[in-house]
Amino acid sequence: MSRLFARYDQVLQQALEAAARRDYWSAYSEVPSGKIYGETARDDGLVAFEARLGKHFDIPGHPSERAVGDEVSPYGLSLGVTYPAASIETLMSASQAAAAQWAAADPQVRVGICLEIIARLNARSFEMANSVMHTTGQAFAMAFQAGGPHAQDRALEAVAYAYAEMTRTPVEAVWTKPQGKGEPIVMEKHWRIVPRGIALVIGCNTFPTWNSYPGLFASLATGNTVIVKPHPAAILPLAITVEIARQVLAEEGFSPNIVLLAADAAGHEITTDLVRHPSVSIIDYTGSSSFGNWVRANAGKADVYTEEAGVNSIVIGATDNFAGMCDNIAFSLSLYSGQMCTSPQNVFVPRNGIETNDGFKSFDEVASGIAGAIDRLLSDPGRAAGICGAVANPATLGRIDEARKLGRILRDCAPVPGLEGARTATPLVIGVDARDREAYAEERFGPIAFIVAVDNAAHGVDLAARLAEEKGAITAALYETDEARILAAADRFATAGVNLSVNLTGGIYVNQSAAFSDFHVTGANPAGNASLTDAAYVASRFRVVMWRRPLAA
């Protein structure tokens, strides 16, 4: 047993047990507390982040032919960080040269190294939080959780699944076939894990670590070298990740070029050339469906794992907690200004109203209840800033302006108070009818929500499920008091490949996805062809190859 594997064996076993139980478990605390991470951890993380600003991010030994980088925080800060960049052929050559050593390593050695990398990432969670905050626009609390411990849990989950799949087949066995009265045939058989080759991880702007870590660590654990291609607006979090990974690899006697950074500049992206390169065998992609379609069409022989866009929906049939329902929906629509792949966009409400614990509510009263809950939630500037954060991409503001023309404005978008120097927006809520498909049937990424009048809840469920089948959806939510209608909706959304949440009124929101319990994306509709994290996500990243020979009886 390797030294690092022995160090983290208990954590690995706990991860495997948690994945089998699907109960709550986390290896890394989501609480940014000095009692957990060290009394000076918050200040140290900020100092480490600020020390990066205005400087070149040197990665020792990394191929470098030029420097790139022009990140500007959605909060207004120009990071001024540049990164080593090299031609695609230089990166491919370096990755290929490191491949044989990594492929030959025992799976336990690779898994131990991966777990050490994740542990070091966890120790740097405050630095990562500042880096994620100022590249994505997430508020600090979300940047700490989603960019740090939650991403690290997803990384550990991928490593655990990879270990389970790699060890499903024994390393060796003796095979004996009886031959009646004759001597049996006895064979000595050996199996080894053979990785696919070079893995390309294409990062996104909004969740650079959370969305990248599963593919990165699944490929690394299964013996593939990895090239990490960050979004040009969010390089720093993945550059820190690559830096730490290379440090651990070098300390353990491996080539640091097993993990490489493929930084580029906006307007001069190298993503398409990387995708089409014949040496790439695995591609993990998070982003828009339009580019996801292009990736799948142009990836050649590479296996492609995607998480793409979708039209997520909420259907309201009835509720026994009207205020709690409105508050829960308001938070889901406001969180990170609707920039999560799990954020709801459409709220389907019967045009003739619904039954609630507060009596019958008309369509307009339901819409007003949700809009009013948003106003109350965001009435305090500090709380609003902590919930909404900033808008990652300026194009989102233009999308909001266009959405205003699509229906009746029930709540208008406005800047987040107290963040005047940042690019911000609170939710825009538009009222439309189910007939107005051109308004609500496309993903409109950002803080844009439609409250859609439908004939009844069953009509809303069917519309939401059909949208998932046609356009993709990652999440769905239902508010209903009749058990038969709940089960019927669960069946319909399952057919559409959408994970469903029912009657959320407390501290859990449809946007959230928990490692070791929730499968993020199903791979069963156009919102993505893979799931984080199941066996299918890791098992094709390697092959099992045998050699055998006869043994004397």
Protein backbone atom coordinates (compact mmCIF):
# COMPACT_ATOMS: atom_id res chain seq x y z
CA MET A 1 0.00 0.00 0.00
CA SER A 2 1.41 3.37 -1.02
CA ARG A 3 2.18 5.96 1.66
CA LEU A 4 -0.41 8.49 0.48
CA PHE A 5 -3.05 5.84 -0.10
CA ALA A 6 -2.57 4.62 3.46
CA ARG A 7 -2.88 8.20 4.73
CA TYR A 8 -6.26 8.68 3.09
CA ASP A 9 -7.61 5.14 3.09
CA GLN A 10 -10.15 5.91 5.82
CA VAL A 11 -11.43 8.97 3.93
CA LEU A 12 -11.74 6.92 0.75
CA GLN A 13 -13.67 4.17 2.52
CA GLN A 14 -16.00 6.74 4.09
CA ALA A 15 -16.60 8.23 0.65
CA LEU A 16 -17.43 4.82 -0.80
CA GLU A 17 -19.79 4.06 2.10
CA ALA A 18 -21.48 7.46 1.78
CA ALA A 19 -22.01 6.94 -1.95
CA ALA A 20 -23.57 3.55 -1.22
CA ARG A 21 -25.89 4.95 1.49
CA ARG A 22 -26.64 8.24 -0.33
CA ASP A 23 -26.98 9.87 3.10
CA TYR A 24 -25.38 13.18 4.07
CA TRP A 25 -21.61 13.08 4.39
CA SER A 26 -18.89 15.57 3.61
CA ALA A 27 -15.15 15.20 3.95
CA TYR A 28 -14.51 18.93 3.87
CA SER A 29 -16.34 21.46 6.02
CA GLU A 30 -18.37 24.08 4.18
CA VAL A 31 -18.17 26.43 7.18
CA PRO A 32 -15.48 29.12 6.68
CA SER A 33 -14.49 28.99 10.33
CA GLY A 34 -11.10 29.65 11.84
CA LYS A 35 -11.77 26.84 14.32
CA ILE A 36 -11.80 24.41 11.39
CA TYR A 37 -9.32 25.90 8.92
CA GLY A 38 -7.06 27.78 11.34
CA GLU A 39 -7.51 31.10 13.11
CA THR A 40 -5.56 33.02 10.45
CA ALA A 41 -6.84 31.07 7.44
CA ARG A 42 -9.26 33.76 6.22
CA ASP A 43 -6.64 36.51 6.37
CA ASP A 44 -3.94 34.25 4.95
CA GLY A 45 -6.18 33.35 2.03
CA LEU A 46 -6.86 36.98 1.22
CA VAL A 47 -3.16 37.83 1.44
CA ALA A 48 -2.31 34.91 -0.85
CA PHE A 49 -4.92 36.04 -3.38
CA GLU A 50 -3.79 39.65 -3.30
CA ALA A 51 -0.17 38.56 -3.75
CA ARG A 52 -1.19 37.10 -7.12
CA LEU A 53 -2.60 40.37 -8.44
CA GLY A 54 -0.67 42.27 -11.09
CA LYS A 55 1.95 39.53 -11.40
CA HIS A 56 2.86 36.59 -13.58
CA PHE A 57 1.59 33.27 -12.23
CA ASP A 58 4.73 31.22 -12.42
CA ILE A 59 4.26 27.45 -12.57
CA PRO A 60 7.73 25.87 -12.21
CA GLY A 61 8.65 23.65 -15.13
CA HIS A 62 5.43 24.32 -17.02
CA PRO A 63 5.83 24.73 -20.81
CA SER A 64 5.74 28.44 -21.57
CA GLU A 65 6.18 30.33 -24.81
CA ARG A 66 4.24 33.48 -23.96
CA ALA A 67 2.08 34.99 -21.24
CA VAL A 68 -1.70 35.46 -21.40
CA GLY A 69 -4.34 36.73 -19.02
CA ASP A 70 -6.80 39.60 -18.82
CA GLU A 71 -9.25 38.70 -16.04
CA VAL A 72 -11.46 41.46 -14.69
CA SER A 73 -13.60 40.81 -11.63
CA PRO A 74 -17.35 41.33 -12.00
CA TYR A 75 -16.88 43.41 -8.86
CA GLY A 76 -14.70 45.84 -10.83
CA LEU A 77 -11.18 44.73 -9.90
CA SER A 78 -8.70 44.11 -12.71
CA LEU A 79 -6.69 41.09 -11.59
CA GLY A 80 -3.71 41.81 -13.82
CA VAL A 81 -2.51 38.20 -13.57
CA THR A 82 -0.78 36.55 -16.53
CA TYR A 83 -0.22 32.84 -17.01
CA PRO A 84 2.24 30.64 -18.90
CA ALA A 85 0.90 29.65 -22.31
CA ALA A 86 2.28 27.38 -24.99
CA SER A 87 1.26 26.05 -28.37
CA ILE A 88 -1.08 23.10 -28.53
CA GLU A 89 1.63 20.88 -29.97
CA THR A 90 3.99 21.81 -27.13
CA LEU A 91 1.32 20.93 -24.58
CA MET A 92 0.45 17.67 -26.32
CA SER A 93 4.09 16.63 -26.55
CA ALA A 94 4.65 17.36 -22.87
CA SER A 95 1.50 15.44 -21.90
CA GLN A 96 2.42 12.47 -24.07
CA ALA A 97 5.94 12.36 -22.65
CA ALA A 98 4.54 12.09 -19.13
CA ALA A 99 1.87 9.53 -20.00
CA ALA A 100 3.80 6.25 -19.76
CA GLN A 101 5.04 6.87 -16.23
CA TRP A 102 1.57 7.77 -14.97
CA ALA A 103 -0.14 4.87 -16.74
CA ALA A 104 2.34 2.42 -15.21
CA ALA A 105 1.66 3.61 -11.67
CA ASP A 106 -0.36 1.35 -9.42
CA PRO A 107 -3.98 2.57 -9.11
CA GLN A 108 -3.49 2.93 -5.35
CA VAL A 109 -0.54 5.23 -5.96
CA ARG A 110 -2.56 7.40 -8.34
CA VAL A 111 -5.55 7.51 -6.01
CA GLY A 112 -3.33 8.44 -3.05
CA ILE A 113 -1.81 11.30 -5.03
CA CYS A 114 -5.26 12.53 -6.06
CA LEU A 115 -6.43 12.52 -2.45
CA GLU A 116 -3.35 14.45 -1.36
CA ILE A 117 -4.02 17.06 -4.06
CA ILE A 118 -7.61 17.43 -2.86
CA ALA A 119 -6.49 17.75 0.76
CA ARG A 120 -4.09 20.54 -0.18
CA LEU A 121 -6.80 22.27 -2.17
CA ASN A 122 -8.97 22.11 0.93
CA ALA A 123 -6.24 23.75 3.00
CA ARG A 124 -6.18 26.59 0.45
CA SER A 125 -9.96 27.08 0.42
CA PHE A 126 -9.85 30.73 1.48
CA GLU A 127 -7.40 31.64 -1.26
CA MET A 128 -9.57 29.72 -3.69
CA ALA A 129 -12.68 31.50 -2.44
CA ASN A 130 -11.23 34.91 -3.23
CA SER A 131 -10.08 33.67 -6.63
CA VAL A 132 -13.48 32.21 -7.47
CA MET A 133 -15.30 35.28 -6.19
CA HIS A 134 -13.31 37.66 -8.37
CA THR A 135 -13.46 35.60 -11.53
CA THR A 136 -17.08 34.44 -11.39
CA GLY A 137 -18.93 37.12 -9.42
CA GLN A 138 -20.10 34.70 -6.75
CA ALA A 139 -20.50 36.22 -3.32
CA PHE A 140 -17.75 35.20 -0.91
CA ALA A 141 -19.79 32.64 1.03
CA MET A 142 -20.84 30.84 -2.13
CA ALA A 143 -17.35 31.12 -3.60
CA PHE A 144 -15.93 29.49 -0.48
CA GLN A 145 -18.45 26.66 -0.43
CA ALA A 146 -18.94 25.93 -4.13
CA GLY A 147 -15.39 26.78 -5.18
CA GLY A 148 -13.82 25.04 -2.21
CA PRO A 149 -15.30 22.25 -0.03
CA HIS A 150 -18.24 21.39 -2.30
CA ALA A 151 -15.95 21.15 -5.34
CA GLN A 152 -13.49 19.11 -3.30
CA ASP A 153 -16.27 16.73 -2.24
CA ARG A 154 -17.18 16.24 -5.91
CA ALA A 155 -13.51 15.56 -6.67
CA LEU A 156 -13.32 12.98 -3.88
CA GLU A 157 -16.56 11.42 -5.11
CA ALA A 158 -15.08 10.99 -8.60
CA VAL A 159 -11.90 9.46 -7.20
CA ALA A 160 -13.91 7.06 -5.04
CA TYR A 161 -15.99 5.91 -8.00
CA ALA A 162 -12.84 5.55 -10.10
CA TYR A 163 -11.18 3.43 -7.41
CA ALA A 164 -14.26 1.22 -7.12
CA GLU A 165 -14.35 0.61 -10.86
CA MET A 166 -10.60 0.02 -11.20
CA THR A 167 -10.60 -2.54 -8.38
CA ARG A 168 -13.72 -4.36 -9.52
CA THR A 169 -11.49 -6.80 -11.44
CA PRO A 170 -8.69 -8.60 -9.53
CA VAL A 171 -5.08 -8.03 -10.52
CA GLU A 172 -4.51 -11.75 -11.07
CA ALA A 173 -6.22 -15.11 -10.79
CA VAL A 174 -5.71 -18.79 -11.52
CA TRP A 175 -8.31 -20.15 -13.95
CA THR A 176 -8.99 -23.89 -13.88
CA LYS A 177 -11.23 -25.65 -16.37
CA PRO A 178 -12.05 -29.32 -15.61
CA GLN A 179 -11.53 -31.78 -18.48
CA GLY A 180 -13.55 -34.79 -17.37
CA LYS A 181 -11.13 -37.68 -16.74
CA GLY A 182 -8.19 -35.72 -18.11
CA GLU A 183 -6.02 -33.16 -16.43
CA PRO A 184 -7.70 -29.75 -16.00
CA ILE A 185 -6.58 -26.76 -18.01
CA VAL A 186 -4.93 -24.28 -15.66
CA MET A 187 -4.22 -20.73 -16.71
CA GLU A 188 -2.50 -17.90 -14.93
CA LYS A 189 -4.28 -14.65 -15.78
CA HIS A 190 -3.31 -11.04 -15.12
CA TRP A 191 -5.35 -7.86 -15.62
CA ARG A 192 -4.14 -4.31 -15.74
CA ILE A 193 -5.79 -0.91 -15.97
CA VAL A 194 -4.93 0.87 -19.22
CA PRO A 195 -5.85 4.55 -19.45
CA ARG A 196 -7.33 6.07 -22.60
CA GLY A 197 -4.71 8.81 -23.11
CA ILE A 198 -4.86 12.58 -22.85
CA ALA A 199 -7.90 14.06 -21.12
CA LEU A 200 -9.04 17.60 -21.87
CA VAL A 201 -11.05 19.48 -19.22
CA ILE A 202 -12.84 22.58 -20.55
CA GLY A 203 -13.71 24.87 -17.65
CA CYS A 204 -16.59 27.33 -17.47
CA ASN A 205 -16.78 30.94 -16.26
CA THR A 206 -19.36 30.55 -13.50
CA PHE A 207 -18.18 27.45 -11.59
CA PRO A 208 -14.58 26.81 -12.65
CA THR A 209 -13.71 24.31 -9.91
CA TRP A 210 -17.06 22.68 -9.06
CA ASN A 211 -17.73 21.77 -12.68
CA SER A 212 -14.13 20.88 -13.59
CA TYR A 213 -12.98 18.79 -10.65
CA PRO A 214 -15.06 15.65 -11.29
CA GLY A 215 -13.67 15.14 -14.80
CA LEU A 216 -10.18 16.23 -13.85
CA PHE A 217 -9.86 13.83 -10.95
CA ALA A 218 -11.76 10.96 -12.60
CA SER A 219 -9.30 11.07 -15.50
CA LEU A 220 -6.26 11.54 -13.29
CA ALA A 221 -7.14 8.68 -10.95
CA THR A 222 -7.68 6.31 -13.86
CA GLY A 223 -4.21 7.01 -15.27
CA ASN A 224 -4.82 9.64 -17.91
CA THR A 225 -2.75 12.77 -18.24
CA VAL A 226 -4.86 15.92 -18.07
CA ILE A 227 -4.80 19.25 -19.88
CA VAL A 228 -6.93 21.85 -18.10
CA LYS A 229 -8.41 24.52 -20.38
CA PRO A 230 -9.93 27.31 -18.23
CA HIS A 231 -12.40 29.90 -19.44
CA PRO A 232 -10.38 33.05 -20.27
CA ALA A 233 -12.36 35.01 -17.68
CA ALA A 234 -11.78 32.45 -14.90
CA ILE A 235 -8.23 31.14 -15.18
CA LEU A 236 -6.95 31.79 -11.66
CA PRO A 237 -8.90 29.09 -9.74
CA LEU A 238 -7.81 26.37 -12.15
CA ALA A 239 -4.25 27.72 -12.33
CA ILE A 240 -4.02 27.31 -8.54
CA THR A 241 -5.43 23.80 -8.93
CA VAL A 242 -2.85 22.89 -11.58
CA GLU A 243 -0.07 24.40 -9.48
CA ILE A 244 -0.98 22.27 -6.46
CA ALA A 245 -1.40 19.10 -8.53
CA ARG A 246 2.01 19.55 -10.13
CA GLN A 247 3.65 20.13 -6.75
CA VAL A 248 2.29 16.86 -5.37
CA LEU A 249 3.19 14.91 -8.50
CA ALA A 250 6.78 16.19 -8.43
CA GLU A 251 7.14 15.42 -4.72
CA GLU A 252 6.05 11.84 -5.41
CA GLY A 253 8.59 11.36 -8.19
CA PHE A 254 6.27 11.84 -11.16
CA SER A 255 6.48 14.26 -14.04
CA PRO A 256 4.48 17.38 -13.18
CA ASN A 257 3.46 17.52 -16.83
CA ILE A 258 0.88 14.86 -16.03
CA VAL A 259 -1.28 17.94 -15.35
CA LEU A 260 -0.97 20.97 -17.63
CA LEU A 261 -2.69 24.35 -17.96
CA ALA A 262 -3.90 25.47 -21.40
CA ALA A 263 -4.49 29.16 -20.76
CA ASP A 264 -5.67 31.41 -23.58
CA ALA A 265 -7.08 34.87 -24.16
CA ALA A 266 -10.59 36.00 -25.04
CA GLY A 267 -10.85 36.33 -28.81
CA HIS A 268 -7.90 33.99 -29.30
CA GLU A 269 -9.29 30.82 -27.74
CA ILE A 270 -7.63 27.51 -28.50
CA THR A 271 -10.54 25.33 -27.37
CA THR A 272 -11.69 24.24 -30.83
CA ASP A 273 -8.18 23.18 -31.85
CA LEU A 274 -7.76 21.25 -28.61
CA VAL A 275 -11.08 19.45 -29.12
CA ARG A 276 -10.13 18.42 -32.66
CA HIS A 277 -6.61 17.31 -31.80
CA PRO A 278 -6.21 13.59 -32.57
CA SER A 279 -4.23 12.97 -29.38
CA VAL A 280 -7.14 13.87 -27.11
CA SER A 281 -9.03 10.80 -25.90
CA ILE A 282 -11.35 12.25 -23.24
CA ILE A 283 -13.16 15.59 -23.13
CA ASP A 284 -15.06 17.03 -20.18
CA TYR A 285 -17.07 20.10 -21.11
CA THR A 286 -19.36 22.46 -19.20
CA GLY A 287 -21.11 25.30 -20.97
CA SER A 288 -23.70 26.23 -23.57
CA SER A 289 -25.58 23.64 -25.58
CA SER A 290 -24.60 25.25 -28.86
CA PHE A 291 -20.91 24.74 -28.21
CA GLY A 292 -21.60 21.40 -26.57
CA ASN A 293 -23.18 20.24 -29.82
CA TRP A 294 -20.09 21.43 -31.68
CA VAL A 295 -17.79 19.59 -29.27
CA ARG A 296 -19.64 16.30 -29.74
CA ALA A 297 -19.63 16.71 -33.52
CA ASN A 298 -15.92 17.51 -33.74
CA ALA A 299 -14.33 15.44 -30.97
CA GLY A 300 -13.26 12.63 -33.27
CA LYS A 301 -12.44 9.46 -31.34
CA ALA A 302 -12.56 11.14 -27.94
CA ASP A 303 -15.17 10.20 -25.36
CA VAL A 304 -17.12 13.35 -24.46
CA TYR A 305 -18.76 14.06 -21.10
CA THR A 306 -20.91 17.19 -21.04
CA GLU A 307 -22.96 19.33 -18.70
CA GLU A 308 -24.83 21.84 -20.83
CA ALA A 309 -27.70 24.29 -20.68
CA GLY A 310 -31.31 23.56 -19.85
CA VAL A 311 -34.69 25.09 -19.14
CA ASN A 312 -35.38 24.30 -15.49
CA SER A 313 -38.97 24.54 -14.28
CA ILE A 314 -41.13 24.77 -11.18
CA VAL A 315 -44.76 23.61 -11.24
CA ILE A 316 -47.18 24.85 -8.59
CA GLY A 317 -50.35 22.78 -8.08
CA ALA A 318 -51.13 23.42 -4.42
CA THR A 319 -49.29 24.08 -1.19
CA ASP A 320 -49.81 23.81 2.53
CA ASN A 321 -47.17 26.49 3.19
CA PHE A 322 -47.72 29.40 0.82
CA ALA A 323 -45.29 31.79 2.52
CA GLY A 324 -42.60 29.12 2.75
CA MET A 325 -43.08 28.19 -0.89
CA CYS A 326 -42.77 31.80 -2.05
CA ASP A 327 -39.68 32.36 0.09
CA ASN A 328 -38.02 29.20 -1.19
CA ILE A 329 -38.69 30.06 -4.82
CA ALA A 330 -37.52 33.65 -4.25
CA PHE A 331 -34.19 32.43 -2.90
CA SER A 332 -33.75 29.97 -5.77
CA LEU A 333 -34.41 32.69 -8.35
CA SER A 334 -32.07 35.16 -6.62
CA LEU A 335 -29.13 32.91 -5.72
CA TYR A 336 -26.04 33.96 -7.71
CA SER A 337 -28.34 36.05 -9.90
CA GLY A 338 -29.77 32.96 -11.60
CA GLN A 339 -26.37 31.96 -13.02
CA MET A 340 -26.39 28.37 -11.82
CA CYS A 341 -27.05 25.54 -14.26
CA THR A 342 -29.63 24.36 -11.73
CA SER A 343 -31.43 27.71 -11.39
CA PRO A 344 -35.14 27.61 -12.20
CA GLN A 345 -36.40 29.75 -15.07
CA ASN A 346 -40.08 28.88 -15.55
CA VAL A 347 -42.75 28.76 -12.84
CA PHE A 348 -45.93 27.11 -14.15
CA VAL A 349 -49.05 28.24 -12.28
CA PRO A 350 -52.69 27.30 -13.06
CA ARG A 351 -54.37 30.33 -14.59
CA ASN A 352 -57.41 29.75 -12.38
CA GLY A 353 -55.30 29.75 -9.22
CA ILE A 354 -54.35 27.22 -6.51
CA GLU A 355 -55.43 26.02 -3.09
CA THR A 356 -53.14 26.97 -0.20
CA ASN A 357 -53.09 26.96 3.58
CA ASP A 358 -53.95 30.66 3.33
CA GLY A 359 -57.00 29.97 1.23
CA PHE A 360 -57.48 30.10 -2.51
CA LYS A 361 -54.86 32.17 -4.40
CA SER A 362 -55.40 33.51 -7.91
CA PHE A 363 -52.68 33.39 -10.55
CA ASP A 364 -51.87 37.05 -9.87
CA GLU A 365 -51.75 36.46 -6.13
CA VAL A 366 -49.27 33.61 -6.58
CA ALA A 367 -47.15 35.78 -8.88
CA SER A 368 -47.33 38.68 -6.42
CA GLY A 369 -46.42 36.35 -3.57
CA ILE A 370 -43.24 35.25 -5.35
CA ALA A 371 -42.31 38.78 -6.47
CA GLY A 372 -42.96 40.12 -2.98
CA ALA A 373 -40.82 37.39 -1.43
CA ILE A 374 -37.94 38.42 -3.70
CA ASP A 375 -38.36 42.05 -2.61
CA ARG A 376 -38.32 41.09 1.07
CA LEU A 377 -35.34 38.76 0.63
CA LEU A 378 -33.27 41.44 -1.07
CA SER A 379 -34.45 44.42 0.99
CA ASP A 380 -31.31 44.41 3.12
CA PRO A 381 -28.31 45.48 0.98
CA GLY A 382 -25.83 43.24 2.78
CA ARG A 383 -28.02 40.19 2.46
CA ALA A 384 -28.80 40.99 -1.19
CA ALA A 385 -25.10 41.21 -2.01
CA GLY A 386 -24.43 37.91 -0.27
CA ILE A 387 -27.20 36.14 -2.15
CA CYS A 388 -27.03 37.66 -5.63
CA GLY A 389 -23.31 38.30 -5.99
CA ALA A 390 -22.32 39.84 -9.32
CA VAL A 391 -23.03 39.03 -12.97
CA ALA A 392 -20.18 37.11 -14.57
CA ASN A 393 -20.73 38.07 -18.20
CA PRO A 394 -21.78 41.52 -19.49
CA ALA A 395 -23.91 39.78 -22.15
CA THR A 396 -26.29 38.73 -19.39
CA LEU A 397 -27.36 42.33 -18.86
CA GLY A 398 -28.27 42.59 -22.54
CA ARG A 399 -30.26 39.38 -22.21
CA ILE A 400 -32.23 40.93 -19.36
CA ASP A 401 -33.07 43.99 -21.47
CA GLU A 402 -34.38 41.78 -24.26
CA ALA A 403 -36.44 39.68 -21.83
CA ARG A 404 -38.33 42.75 -20.65
CA LYS A 405 -40.11 42.78 -24.03
CA LEU A 406 -41.37 39.22 -23.75
CA GLY A 407 -44.35 39.64 -21.44
CA ARG A 408 -45.89 41.49 -18.53
CA ILE A 409 -43.29 42.70 -16.05
CA LEU A 410 -44.28 41.42 -12.61
CA ARG A 411 -41.03 42.45 -10.97
CA ASP A 412 -38.36 44.48 -12.71
CA CYS A 413 -34.66 43.84 -12.52
CA ALA A 414 -32.49 46.36 -10.66
CA PRO A 415 -28.87 46.66 -9.55
CA VAL A 416 -28.04 45.09 -6.20
CA PRO A 417 -27.91 47.87 -3.61
CA GLY A 418 -24.53 48.43 -2.00
CA LEU A 419 -22.55 47.00 -4.94
CA GLU A 420 -22.50 50.09 -7.09
CA GLY A 421 -19.04 49.37 -8.50
CA ALA A 422 -20.00 45.85 -9.57
CA ARG A 423 -22.01 44.39 -12.44
CA THR A 424 -25.19 43.26 -10.69
CA ALA A 425 -28.84 42.43 -11.31
CA THR A 426 -31.74 41.24 -9.18
CA PRO A 427 -34.36 38.89 -10.68
CA LEU A 428 -36.60 40.04 -13.53
CA VAL A 429 -39.99 38.30 -13.31
CA ILE A 430 -42.19 38.18 -16.42
CA GLY A 431 -45.77 36.96 -16.68
CA VAL A 432 -46.69 35.02 -19.83
CA ASP A 433 -49.23 32.48 -21.03
CA ALA A 434 -48.43 28.89 -21.93
CA ARG A 435 -49.09 29.80 -25.57
CA ASP A 436 -46.10 32.21 -25.52
CA ARG A 437 -43.50 29.48 -26.06
CA GLU A 438 -41.10 31.81 -27.85
CA ALA A 439 -40.70 33.65 -24.56
CA TYR A 440 -40.10 30.87 -22.04
CA ALA A 441 -39.13 27.80 -24.09
CA GLU A 442 -35.48 28.85 -24.54
CA GLU A 443 -32.86 29.06 -21.84
CA ARG A 444 -32.32 32.71 -20.92
CA PHE A 445 -29.30 32.46 -18.66
CA GLY A 446 -29.25 34.89 -15.76
CA PRO A 447 -31.76 36.43 -13.34
CA ILE A 448 -34.73 36.03 -15.68
CA ALA A 449 -37.86 34.15 -14.62
CA PHE A 450 -41.22 33.53 -16.26
CA ILE A 451 -44.43 32.83 -14.40
CA VAL A 452 -46.42 30.88 -16.97
CA ALA A 453 -50.20 30.53 -16.88
CA VAL A 454 -51.27 26.93 -17.59
CA ASP A 455 -54.58 25.08 -17.61
CA ASN A 456 -53.77 23.09 -14.47
CA ALA A 457 -50.83 21.49 -12.66
CA ALA A 458 -50.84 18.42 -14.92
CA HIS A 459 -50.59 20.72 -17.92
CA GLY A 460 -47.65 22.47 -16.27
CA VAL A 461 -45.90 19.18 -15.51
CA ASP A 462 -46.29 18.03 -19.09
CA LEU A 463 -45.04 21.35 -20.51
CA ALA A 464 -42.03 21.33 -18.18
CA ALA A 465 -41.20 17.71 -18.97
CA ARG A 466 -41.55 18.25 -22.72
CA LEU A 467 -39.24 21.25 -22.49
CA ALA A 468 -36.70 19.06 -20.70
CA GLU A 469 -36.94 16.44 -23.44
CA GLU A 470 -36.58 19.02 -26.20
CA LYS A 471 -34.21 21.59 -24.70
CA GLY A 472 -32.79 19.86 -21.65
CA ALA A 473 -33.25 20.44 -17.93
CA ILE A 474 -31.16 19.61 -14.89
CA THR A 475 -33.69 20.33 -12.17
CA ALA A 476 -37.44 20.48 -11.70
CA ALA A 477 -39.56 21.34 -8.67
CA LEU A 478 -43.17 20.64 -7.79
CA TYR A 479 -45.52 22.05 -5.17
CA GLU A 480 -48.47 19.75 -4.63
CA THR A 481 -50.54 18.34 -1.78
CA ASP A 482 -52.11 15.34 -3.54
CA GLU A 483 -49.94 12.21 -3.33
CA ALA A 484 -51.26 10.70 -6.55
CA ARG A 485 -50.40 13.86 -8.48
CA ILE A 486 -46.95 13.95 -6.87
CA LEU A 487 -46.23 10.37 -7.95
CA ALA A 488 -47.57 11.03 -11.44
CA ALA A 489 -45.26 14.05 -11.76
CA ALA A 490 -42.31 12.00 -10.50
CA ASP A 491 -43.00 9.45 -13.23
CA ARG A 492 -43.27 12.11 -15.93
CA PHE A 493 -40.09 13.91 -14.94
CA ALA A 494 -38.21 10.62 -14.62
CA THR A 495 -39.18 9.83 -18.20
CA ALA A 496 -37.79 13.23 -19.19
CA GLY A 497 -34.55 12.52 -17.31
CA VAL A 498 -34.94 15.34 -14.79
CA ASN A 499 -34.23 15.22 -11.06
CA LEU A 500 -37.32 16.40 -9.18
CA SER A 501 -37.66 18.20 -5.84
CA VAL A 502 -41.07 18.27 -4.14
CA ASN A 503 -42.46 20.83 -1.68
CA LEU A 504 -39.24 22.58 -0.75
CA THR A 505 -40.05 25.26 1.83
CA GLY A 506 -37.08 25.23 4.19
CA GLY A 507 -33.31 25.51 3.92
CA ILE A 508 -32.86 23.23 0.90
CA TYR A 509 -33.29 24.71 -2.57
CA VAL A 510 -33.78 23.23 -6.00
CA ASN A 511 -30.47 24.77 -7.12
CA GLN A 512 -28.40 22.73 -4.68
CA SER A 513 -26.77 19.38 -5.41
CA ALA A 514 -25.03 17.34 -2.72
CA ALA A 515 -22.03 15.13 -3.43
CA PHE A 516 -22.32 11.45 -2.45
CA SER A 517 -26.11 11.70 -2.57
CA ASP A 518 -27.47 13.73 -5.49
CA PHE A 519 -26.58 12.74 -9.03
CA HIS A 520 -25.96 16.06 -10.77
CA VAL A 521 -27.40 15.87 -14.30
CA THR A 522 -28.77 12.54 -15.43
CA GLY A 523 -27.35 12.33 -18.93
CA ALA A 524 -30.87 11.46 -20.08
CA ASN A 525 -31.87 14.72 -21.80
CA PRO A 526 -30.10 17.47 -23.81
CA ALA A 527 -28.84 19.24 -20.67
CA GLY A 528 -25.88 16.86 -20.63
CA ASN A 529 -24.80 13.39 -21.64
CA ALA A 530 -23.14 12.46 -18.34
CA SER A 531 -23.91 12.40 -14.63
CA LEU A 532 -21.80 13.62 -11.72
CA THR A 533 -20.99 11.11 -10.49
CA ASP A 534 -21.96 7.60 -11.46
CA ALA A 535 -20.07 4.53 -12.60
CA ALA A 536 -20.59 5.37 -16.26
CA TYR A 537 -18.79 8.67 -15.70
CA VAL A 538 -15.53 6.95 -14.74
CA ALA A 539 -15.58 3.42 -16.18
CA SER A 540 -14.86 4.38 -19.79
CA ARG A 541 -11.81 6.43 -18.86
CA PHE A 542 -9.78 3.22 -18.80
CA ARG A 543 -9.79 -0.26 -20.25
CA VAL A 544 -9.02 -3.59 -18.58
CA VAL A 545 -6.44 -5.57 -20.54
CA MET A 546 -5.36 -9.15 -19.80
CA TRP A 547 -2.35 -11.33 -20.34
CA ARG A 548 -2.40 -15.08 -19.59
CA ARG A 549 -0.35 -18.26 -19.82
CA PRO A 550 -0.77 -21.95 -18.97
CA LEU A 551 0.35 -23.33 -15.65
CA ALA A 552 1.36 -26.89 -15.00
CA ALA A 553 -1.43 -28.82 -13.26
